[in-house]
Structures are given as C-alpha cells and as structure tokens.
C-alpha cells in the first residue's frame, strides 16, 4: 500500500500535534504540520502531500489561496479547509469544516478522506473506467468524451466511480451520502443534490452545450441516481 503523506497547516499547535499522533501509522502514513503557508510550501517542494488540512486564516495568506497553489502544483488529493463559523466559499476544498468543531469528528473526517484516497488508488490500479461513451480516470480525476477532457473534484470522481460499480442500478441518496461523505446528522440530501446538479452542468458545458444534459450520463430515479447505460 502506498504511503500517504498528510499535511496540516495553521491552527492550534496542540491540535496539530494530536492529529499527527492519531493519524500516523508506521509504513502507511507520514504526518507533518506547519504554522504558516510559507513553511508548508517550502516543505512541499521536497515532499508533495496526498491529503491536506488547512486553516482558512493563516498568518501569511488565506487557506484558500494556499489550496489554490497546491492544486496548481498538481496536487489531486483531498484538501480540507477549516473555516470560521460563517462558511467561506471554496473552489478548491474537498470539504469545508466549520469552527468550532469536535476533535473526534475532525479526526473522523480526515480518516474518511484518507480511506477514499486509498480507494481511488486501488481503482486507478485497475485502469480507467468506461461509463458508456465516457472514460473516467479516477487517479487523474478526469472525465473524457472524444477530444473533450473535464477535470473533476474528488467528490465528483467518487460519485461516478461508485455508480459505475452498480451499472444500471439505482443508488439511493442515503447510500451515496454514507459511502462518499460519511453520512452524519450534519449532512442532508441537499448536499448530494447540489453536487449532482453542478456535475451535470459541468459535463454539459464541456461536452454538449445547449443540449439536454440532464438525460445524458446521470439519471434521476425515485430516491436516488444511476448511470445511463
């Protein structure tokens, strides 16, 4: 199993230390923490990260801007952003976690995303997935149709990969939330519905603008979704 490199940036020093101790597994995970973005970027130049937890309010830049630099540098793994109580919009974060948070809950979310990352590696080892005329490359988070290439988020990739595992079968909203988000009382089906809507619009814009994208790849069924074909 590939060793996972986990990066913790900003926030309380004691919290970083506690998370590092809990997430470290000999031979399986390495965990490093830094107080600011400059230190983290200097370290990443030598040792890329697979999963990051970033505080939104760093002393030298915003957590969002650091996440953007990581994505621009080629990072495809999960990025979790710790946000103030008023949610901040994020174009780069896999998940935004609001303050105040319970340490146990935060640790559970990190472990959940680490497991999804490892599942993605296993899927990638088996090669790209064919979704009708589409080709899904989980490792690169790419959906391809002909000459059109579409970059996906971690959640979008996980949604399509999970539905691929049950061809022609409906996956309930509750199942998708549980498998991909780690369903909890703070999540609702609206979270899933919003991701599905955005994914459909993204596919439409990249592959068939102006057409009825809603019936192309992702079909809505009573209480859930399935792939077309």
C-alpha atoms as a PDB file:
ATOM      1  CA  UNK A   1       0.000   0.000   0.000  1.00  0.00           C
ATOM      2  CA  UNK A   2       1.313   3.442  -0.946  1.00  0.00           C
ATOM      3  CA  UNK A   3       2.433   5.568   1.984  1.00  0.00           C
ATOM      4  CA  UNK A   4       0.175   8.617   2.453  1.00  0.00           C
ATOM      5  CA  UNK A   5       1.790  11.993   3.140  1.00  0.00           C
ATOM      6  CA  UNK A   6      -0.526  14.186   5.232  1.00  0.00           C
ATOM      7  CA  UNK A   7      -0.023  17.939   5.656  1.00  0.00           C
ATOM      8  CA  UNK A   8      -1.532  20.030   8.484  1.00  0.00           C
ATOM      9  CA  UNK A   9      -1.224  23.816   8.121  1.00  0.00           C
ATOM     10  CA  UNK A  10      -2.159  26.526  10.615  1.00  0.00           C
ATOM     11  CA  UNK A  11      -4.486  26.437  13.580  1.00  0.00           C
ATOM     12  CA  UNK A  12      -3.637  25.447  17.120  1.00  0.00           C
ATOM     13  CA  UNK A  13      -0.249  23.794  17.668  1.00  0.00           C
ATOM     14  CA  UNK A  14      -1.623  21.299  20.193  1.00  0.00           C
ATOM     15  CA  UNK A  15      -4.403  20.281  17.801  1.00  0.00           C
ATOM     16  CA  UNK A  16      -1.880  19.684  15.010  1.00  0.00           C
ATOM     17  CA  UNK A  17       0.218  17.555  17.352  1.00  0.00           C
ATOM     18  CA  UNK A  18      -2.770  15.499  18.488  1.00  0.00           C
ATOM     19  CA  UNK A  19      -3.953  14.896  14.919  1.00  0.00           C
ATOM     20  CA  UNK A  20      -0.435  13.934  13.827  1.00  0.00           C
ATOM     21  CA  UNK A  21      -0.172  11.371  16.614  1.00  0.00           C
ATOM     22  CA  UNK A  22      -3.572   9.869  15.808  1.00  0.00           C
ATOM     23  CA  UNK A  23      -3.090   9.763  12.022  1.00  0.00           C
ATOM     24  CA  UNK A  24       0.475   8.401  11.986  1.00  0.00           C
ATOM     25  CA  UNK A  25       0.770   4.720  11.031  1.00  0.00           C
ATOM     26  CA  UNK A  26       4.253   3.208  10.617  1.00  0.00           C
ATOM     27  CA  UNK A  27       4.847   2.450   6.962  1.00  0.00           C
ATOM     28  CA  UNK A  28       1.415   3.730   5.942  1.00  0.00           C
ATOM     29  CA  UNK A  29       1.229   7.446   6.780  1.00  0.00           C
ATOM     30  CA  UNK A  30       3.591  10.333   7.389  1.00  0.00           C
ATOM     31  CA  UNK A  31       2.161  13.464   9.027  1.00  0.00           C
ATOM     32  CA  UNK A  32       3.808  16.886   9.147  1.00  0.00           C
ATOM     33  CA  UNK A  33       2.456  20.173  10.486  1.00  0.00           C
ATOM     34  CA  UNK A  34       3.393  23.813   9.923  1.00  0.00           C
ATOM     35  CA  UNK A  35       2.213  27.076  11.444  1.00  0.00           C
ATOM     36  CA  UNK A  36       2.044  29.035   8.188  1.00  0.00           C
ATOM     37  CA  UNK A  37       1.863  28.728   4.412  1.00  0.00           C
ATOM     38  CA  UNK A  38       5.488  29.687   3.744  1.00  0.00           C
ATOM     39  CA  UNK A  39       6.833  26.816   5.844  1.00  0.00           C
ATOM     40  CA  UNK A  40       4.397  24.378   4.259  1.00  0.00           C
ATOM     41  CA  UNK A  41       5.271  25.416   0.698  1.00  0.00           C
ATOM     42  CA  UNK A  42       8.987  25.122   1.380  1.00  0.00           C
ATOM     43  CA  UNK A  43       8.496  21.576   2.661  1.00  0.00           C
ATOM     44  CA  UNK A  44       6.174  20.588  -0.182  1.00  0.00           C
ATOM     45  CA  UNK A  45       8.813  21.461  -2.747  1.00  0.00           C
ATOM     46  CA  UNK A  46      10.689  18.408  -1.484  1.00  0.00           C
ATOM     47  CA  UNK A  47       7.842  16.215  -0.282  1.00  0.00           C
ATOM     48  CA  UNK A  48       4.402  16.511  -2.037  1.00  0.00           C
ATOM     49  CA  UNK A  49       1.277  15.893   0.044  1.00  0.00           C
ATOM     50  CA  UNK A  50      -1.556  13.454  -0.612  1.00  0.00           C
ATOM     51  CA  UNK A  51      -4.037  14.929   1.899  1.00  0.00           C
ATOM     52  CA  UNK A  52      -4.091  18.407   3.451  1.00  0.00           C
ATOM     53  CA  UNK A  53      -5.899  20.065   6.343  1.00  0.00           C
ATOM     54  CA  UNK A  54      -5.578  23.853   6.073  1.00  0.00           C
ATOM     55  CA  UNK A  55      -6.852  26.553   8.414  1.00  0.00           C
ATOM     56  CA  UNK A  56      -8.659  29.265   6.454  1.00  0.00           C
ATOM     57  CA  UNK A  57      -6.990  32.012   8.488  1.00  0.00           C
ATOM     58  CA  UNK A  58      -3.227  31.592   8.180  1.00  0.00           C
ATOM     59  CA  UNK A  59      -0.824  34.313   9.399  1.00  0.00           C
ATOM     60  CA  UNK A  60       0.730  34.895   5.963  1.00  0.00           C
ATOM     61  CA  UNK A  61      -2.068  34.168   3.450  1.00  0.00           C
ATOM     62  CA  UNK A  62      -5.545  32.680   3.274  1.00  0.00           C
ATOM     63  CA  UNK A  63      -6.045  28.937   3.419  1.00  0.00           C
ATOM     64  CA  UNK A  64      -7.973  29.158   0.147  1.00  0.00           C
ATOM     65  CA  UNK A  65      -5.018  30.750  -1.662  1.00  0.00           C
ATOM     66  CA  UNK A  66      -2.656  28.095  -0.294  1.00  0.00           C
ATOM     67  CA  UNK A  67      -5.024  25.409  -1.544  1.00  0.00           C
ATOM     68  CA  UNK A  68      -5.037  27.042  -4.968  1.00  0.00           C
ATOM     69  CA  UNK A  69      -1.245  26.908  -5.069  1.00  0.00           C
ATOM     70  CA  UNK A  70      -1.328  23.227  -4.158  1.00  0.00           C
ATOM     71  CA  UNK A  71      -3.835  22.453  -6.924  1.00  0.00           C
ATOM     72  CA  UNK A  72      -1.818  24.472  -9.434  1.00  0.00           C
ATOM     73  CA  UNK A  73       1.229  22.473  -8.368  1.00  0.00           C
ATOM     74  CA  UNK A  74      -0.520  19.243  -9.310  1.00  0.00           C
ATOM     75  CA  UNK A  75      -1.997  18.036  -6.017  1.00  0.00           C
ATOM     76  CA  UNK A  76      -5.119  15.948  -6.695  1.00  0.00           C
ATOM     77  CA  UNK A  77      -5.745  14.520  -3.216  1.00  0.00           C
ATOM     78  CA  UNK A  78      -8.269  15.743  -0.638  1.00  0.00           C
ATOM     79  CA  UNK A  79      -7.977  19.249   0.796  1.00  0.00           C
ATOM     80  CA  UNK A  80      -9.986  20.004   3.939  1.00  0.00           C
ATOM     81  CA  UNK A  81     -10.449  23.660   4.864  1.00  0.00           C
ATOM     82  CA  UNK A  82     -11.160  24.753   8.460  1.00  0.00           C
ATOM     83  CA  UNK A  83     -13.469  27.753   8.153  1.00  0.00           C
ATOM     84  CA  UNK A  84     -14.845  30.331  10.616  1.00  0.00           C
ATOM     85  CA  UNK A  85     -18.479  29.865  11.722  1.00  0.00           C
ATOM     86  CA  UNK A  86     -19.696  31.845   8.712  1.00  0.00           C
ATOM     87  CA  UNK A  87     -18.998  29.429   5.824  1.00  0.00           C
ATOM     88  CA  UNK A  88     -16.469  30.593   3.252  1.00  0.00           C
ATOM     89  CA  UNK A  89     -16.997  29.567  -0.342  1.00  0.00           C
ATOM     90  CA  UNK A  90     -14.194  27.397  -1.708  1.00  0.00           C
ATOM     91  CA  UNK A  91     -13.290  26.414  -5.228  1.00  0.00           C
ATOM     92  CA  UNK A  92     -10.503  24.085  -4.136  1.00  0.00           C
ATOM     93  CA  UNK A  93     -11.556  22.360  -0.927  1.00  0.00           C
ATOM     94  CA  UNK A  94     -12.835  18.802  -0.984  1.00  0.00           C
ATOM     95  CA  UNK A  95     -14.722  19.634   2.214  1.00  0.00           C
ATOM     96  CA  UNK A  96     -15.171  22.768   4.335  1.00  0.00           C
ATOM     97  CA  UNK A  97     -15.338  22.103   8.091  1.00  0.00           C
ATOM     98  CA  UNK A  98     -16.812  24.857  10.235  1.00  0.00           C
ATOM     99  CA  UNK A  99     -15.413  26.045  13.558  1.00  0.00           C
ATOM    100  CA  UNK A 100     -15.952  25.256  16.346  1.00  0.00           C
ATOM    101  CA  UNK A 101     -15.537  21.538  15.726  1.00  0.00           C
ATOM    102  CA  UNK A 102     -15.126  18.454  17.886  1.00  0.00           C
ATOM    103  CA  UNK A 103     -11.644  16.932  17.621  1.00  0.00           C
ATOM    104  CA  UNK A 104     -13.074  13.440  17.338  1.00  0.00           C
ATOM    105  CA  UNK A 105     -15.318  14.489  14.478  1.00  0.00           C
ATOM    106  CA  UNK A 106     -12.441  16.237  12.684  1.00  0.00           C
ATOM    107  CA  UNK A 107     -10.244  13.173  13.043  1.00  0.00           C
ATOM    108  CA  UNK A 108     -13.052  11.006  11.653  1.00  0.00           C
ATOM    109  CA  UNK A 109     -13.391  13.247   8.596  1.00  0.00           C
ATOM    110  CA  UNK A 110      -9.642  13.088   7.943  1.00  0.00           C
ATOM    111  CA  UNK A 111      -9.654   9.296   8.197  1.00  0.00           C
ATOM    112  CA  UNK A 112     -12.688   9.117   5.912  1.00  0.00           C
ATOM    113  CA  UNK A 113     -10.974  11.156   3.197  1.00  0.00           C
ATOM    114  CA  UNK A 114      -7.784   9.160   3.635  1.00  0.00           C
ATOM    115  CA  UNK A 115      -9.748   5.958   3.016  1.00  0.00           C
ATOM    116  CA  UNK A 116     -11.387   7.455  -0.095  1.00  0.00           C
ATOM    117  CA  UNK A 117      -7.934   8.442  -1.359  1.00  0.00           C
ATOM    118  CA  UNK A 118      -6.703   4.888  -0.894  1.00  0.00           C
ATOM    119  CA  UNK A 119      -9.784   3.509  -2.642  1.00  0.00           C
ATOM    120  CA  UNK A 120      -9.048   5.839  -5.547  1.00  0.00           C
ATOM    121  CA  UNK A 121      -5.527   4.432  -5.827  1.00  0.00           C
ATOM    122  CA  UNK A 122      -6.939   0.906  -5.913  1.00  0.00           C
ATOM    123  CA  UNK A 123      -9.373   1.873  -8.669  1.00  0.00           C
ATOM    124  CA  UNK A 124      -6.615   3.582 -10.619  1.00  0.00           C
ATOM    125  CA  UNK A 125      -4.513   0.439 -10.441  1.00  0.00           C
ATOM    126  CA  UNK A 126      -7.292  -1.349 -12.306  1.00  0.00           C
ATOM    127  CA  UNK A 127      -7.232   1.235 -15.083  1.00  0.00           C
ATOM    128  CA  UNK A 128      -9.763   3.798 -16.364  1.00  0.00           C
ATOM    129  CA  UNK A 129     -13.493   3.136 -16.053  1.00  0.00           C
ATOM    130  CA  UNK A 130     -15.849   3.284 -19.035  1.00  0.00           C
ATOM    131  CA  UNK A 131     -19.199   4.988 -18.393  1.00  0.00           C
ATOM    132  CA  UNK A 132     -20.969   4.438 -21.693  1.00  0.00           C
ATOM    133  CA  UNK A 133     -19.158   6.723 -24.149  1.00  0.00           C
ATOM    134  CA  UNK A 134     -17.311   8.444 -21.297  1.00  0.00           C
ATOM    135  CA  UNK A 135     -13.930   7.427 -19.885  1.00  0.00           C
ATOM    136  CA  UNK A 136     -13.280   8.094 -16.197  1.00  0.00           C
ATOM    137  CA  UNK A 137      -9.717   8.191 -14.892  1.00  0.00           C
ATOM    138  CA  UNK A 138     -10.043   8.267 -11.064  1.00  0.00           C
ATOM    139  CA  UNK A 139      -6.333   8.821 -10.464  1.00  0.00           C
ATOM    140  CA  UNK A 140      -6.268  11.963 -12.602  1.00  0.00           C
ATOM    141  CA  UNK A 141      -9.847  12.993 -11.765  1.00  0.00           C
ATOM    142  CA  UNK A 142     -10.582  13.272 -15.488  1.00  0.00           C
ATOM    143  CA  UNK A 143     -13.740  12.519 -17.458  1.00  0.00           C
ATOM    144  CA  UNK A 144     -13.175  12.211 -21.201  1.00  0.00           C
ATOM    145  CA  UNK A 145     -15.592  12.150 -24.137  1.00  0.00           C
ATOM    146  CA  UNK A 146     -13.847  12.117 -27.502  1.00  0.00           C
ATOM    147  CA  UNK A 147     -11.495  15.098 -27.507  1.00  0.00           C
ATOM    148  CA  UNK A 148     -13.215  16.727 -24.549  1.00  0.00           C
ATOM    149  CA  UNK A 149     -11.447  16.415 -21.186  1.00  0.00           C
ATOM    150  CA  UNK A 150     -13.120  17.511 -17.973  1.00  0.00           C
ATOM    151  CA  UNK A 151     -11.372  17.952 -14.612  1.00  0.00           C
ATOM    152  CA  UNK A 152     -13.446  16.619 -11.714  1.00  0.00           C
ATOM    153  CA  UNK A 153     -13.379  17.190  -7.975  1.00  0.00           C
ATOM    154  CA  UNK A 154     -12.732  14.338  -5.540  1.00  0.00           C
ATOM    155  CA  UNK A 155     -16.438  14.068  -4.721  1.00  0.00           C
ATOM    156  CA  UNK A 156     -17.495  14.093  -8.395  1.00  0.00           C
ATOM    157  CA  UNK A 157     -14.970  11.362  -9.165  1.00  0.00           C
ATOM    158  CA  UNK A 158     -16.132   9.294  -6.203  1.00  0.00           C
ATOM    159  CA  UNK A 159     -19.791   9.667  -7.231  1.00  0.00           C
ATOM    160  CA  UNK A 160     -19.193   8.433 -10.769  1.00  0.00           C
ATOM    161  CA  UNK A 161     -16.880   5.615  -9.643  1.00  0.00           C
ATOM    162  CA  UNK A 162     -19.421   4.404  -7.085  1.00  0.00           C
ATOM    163  CA  UNK A 163     -22.284   4.445  -9.602  1.00  0.00           C
ATOM    164  CA  UNK A 164     -20.050   2.610 -12.088  1.00  0.00           C
ATOM    165  CA  UNK A 165     -19.799  -0.212  -9.571  1.00  0.00           C
ATOM    166  CA  UNK A 166     -23.548  -0.784  -9.886  1.00  0.00           C
ATOM    167  CA  UNK A 167     -24.239  -0.468 -13.653  1.00  0.00           C
ATOM    168  CA  UNK A 168     -27.906   0.142 -14.399  1.00  0.00           C
ATOM    169  CA  UNK A 169     -28.753   0.053 -10.706  1.00  0.00           C
ATOM    170  CA  UNK A 170     -30.177   2.909  -8.648  1.00  0.00           C
ATOM    171  CA  UNK A 171     -28.082   4.088  -5.706  1.00  0.00           C
ATOM    172  CA  UNK A 172     -30.180   5.756  -3.032  1.00  0.00           C
ATOM    173  CA  UNK A 173     -29.296   9.228  -1.822  1.00  0.00           C
ATOM    174  CA  UNK A 174     -28.706   7.857   1.665  1.00  0.00           C
ATOM    175  CA  UNK A 175     -26.273   5.235   0.321  1.00  0.00           C
ATOM    176  CA  UNK A 176     -24.312   7.814  -1.653  1.00  0.00           C
ATOM    177  CA  UNK A 177     -24.084  10.131   1.344  1.00  0.00           C
ATOM    178  CA  UNK A 178     -22.909   7.300   3.571  1.00  0.00           C
ATOM    179  CA  UNK A 179     -20.318   5.941   1.134  1.00  0.00           C
ATOM    180  CA  UNK A 180     -18.890   9.217  -0.160  1.00  0.00           C
ATOM    181  CA  UNK A 181     -19.452  11.777   2.584  1.00  0.00           C
ATOM    182  CA  UNK A 182     -19.526   9.541   5.639  1.00  0.00           C
ATOM    183  CA  UNK A 183     -23.180  10.308   6.303  1.00  0.00           C
ATOM    184  CA  UNK A 184     -23.840  12.134   9.569  1.00  0.00           C
ATOM    185  CA  UNK A 185     -26.531  14.268  11.177  1.00  0.00           C
ATOM    186  CA  UNK A 186     -24.985  17.475   9.814  1.00  0.00           C
ATOM    187  CA  UNK A 187     -25.426  16.325   6.217  1.00  0.00           C
ATOM    188  CA  UNK A 188     -28.609  16.372   4.158  1.00  0.00           C
ATOM    189  CA  UNK A 189     -29.599  15.101   0.730  1.00  0.00           C
ATOM    190  CA  UNK A 190     -29.325  18.720  -0.421  1.00  0.00           C
ATOM    191  CA  UNK A 191     -25.533  18.302  -0.271  1.00  0.00           C
ATOM    192  CA  UNK A 192     -25.709  15.406  -2.733  1.00  0.00           C
ATOM    193  CA  UNK A 193     -28.306  17.077  -4.954  1.00  0.00           C
ATOM    194  CA  UNK A 194     -26.137  20.186  -5.248  1.00  0.00           C
ATOM    195  CA  UNK A 195     -23.099  18.115  -6.284  1.00  0.00           C
ATOM    196  CA  UNK A 196     -25.150  16.202  -8.869  1.00  0.00           C
ATOM    197  CA  UNK A 197     -26.541  19.437 -10.304  1.00  0.00           C
ATOM    198  CA  UNK A 198     -23.100  21.031 -10.599  1.00  0.00           C
ATOM    199  CA  UNK A 199     -21.614  17.888 -12.129  1.00  0.00           C
ATOM    200  CA  UNK A 200     -24.343  17.768 -14.777  1.00  0.00           C
ATOM    201  CA  UNK A 201     -23.830  21.414 -15.640  1.00  0.00           C
ATOM    202  CA  UNK A 202     -20.068  20.938 -15.813  1.00  0.00           C
ATOM    203  CA  UNK A 203     -20.422  17.976 -18.182  1.00  0.00           C
ATOM    204  CA  UNK A 204     -22.905  19.897 -20.338  1.00  0.00           C
ATOM    205  CA  UNK A 205     -20.645  22.927 -20.641  1.00  0.00           C
ATOM    206  CA  UNK A 206     -17.625  20.836 -21.600  1.00  0.00           C
ATOM    207  CA  UNK A 207     -19.221  18.287 -23.934  1.00  0.00           C
ATOM    208  CA  UNK A 208     -22.642  19.248 -25.262  1.00  0.00           C
ATOM    209  CA  UNK A 209     -23.589  22.868 -24.582  1.00  0.00           C
ATOM    210  CA  UNK A 210     -27.188  23.682 -25.342  1.00  0.00           C
ATOM    211  CA  UNK A 211     -28.359  20.069 -25.288  1.00  0.00           C
ATOM    212  CA  UNK A 212     -30.456  18.223 -22.720  1.00  0.00           C
ATOM    213  CA  UNK A 213     -27.538  17.338 -20.472  1.00  0.00           C
ATOM    214  CA  UNK A 214     -29.847  16.099 -17.721  1.00  0.00           C
ATOM    215  CA  UNK A 215     -30.548  12.841 -19.584  1.00  0.00           C
ATOM    216  CA  UNK A 216     -27.029  12.163 -20.834  1.00  0.00           C
ATOM    217  CA  UNK A 217     -24.965  10.418 -18.164  1.00  0.00           C
ATOM    218  CA  UNK A 218     -26.591  10.803 -14.737  1.00  0.00           C
ATOM    219  CA  UNK A 219     -30.238   9.784 -14.432  1.00  0.00           C
ATOM    220  CA  UNK A 220     -32.514  10.709 -11.557  1.00  0.00           C
ATOM    221  CA  UNK A 221     -34.520   7.849 -10.092  1.00  0.00           C
ATOM    222  CA  UNK A 222     -37.064   7.939  -7.232  1.00  0.00           C
ATOM    223  CA  UNK A 223     -34.915   8.484  -4.144  1.00  0.00           C
ATOM    224  CA  UNK A 224     -31.571   8.213  -5.919  1.00  0.00           C
ATOM    225  CA  UNK A 225     -29.465   8.191  -9.091  1.00  0.00           C
ATOM    226  CA  UNK A 226     -27.996   5.797 -11.640  1.00  0.00           C
ATOM    227  CA  UNK A 227     -25.786   5.934 -14.686  1.00  0.00           C
ATOM    228  CA  UNK A 228     -27.340   5.930 -18.145  1.00  0.00           C
ATOM    229  CA  UNK A 229     -26.469   2.600 -19.742  1.00  0.00           C
END
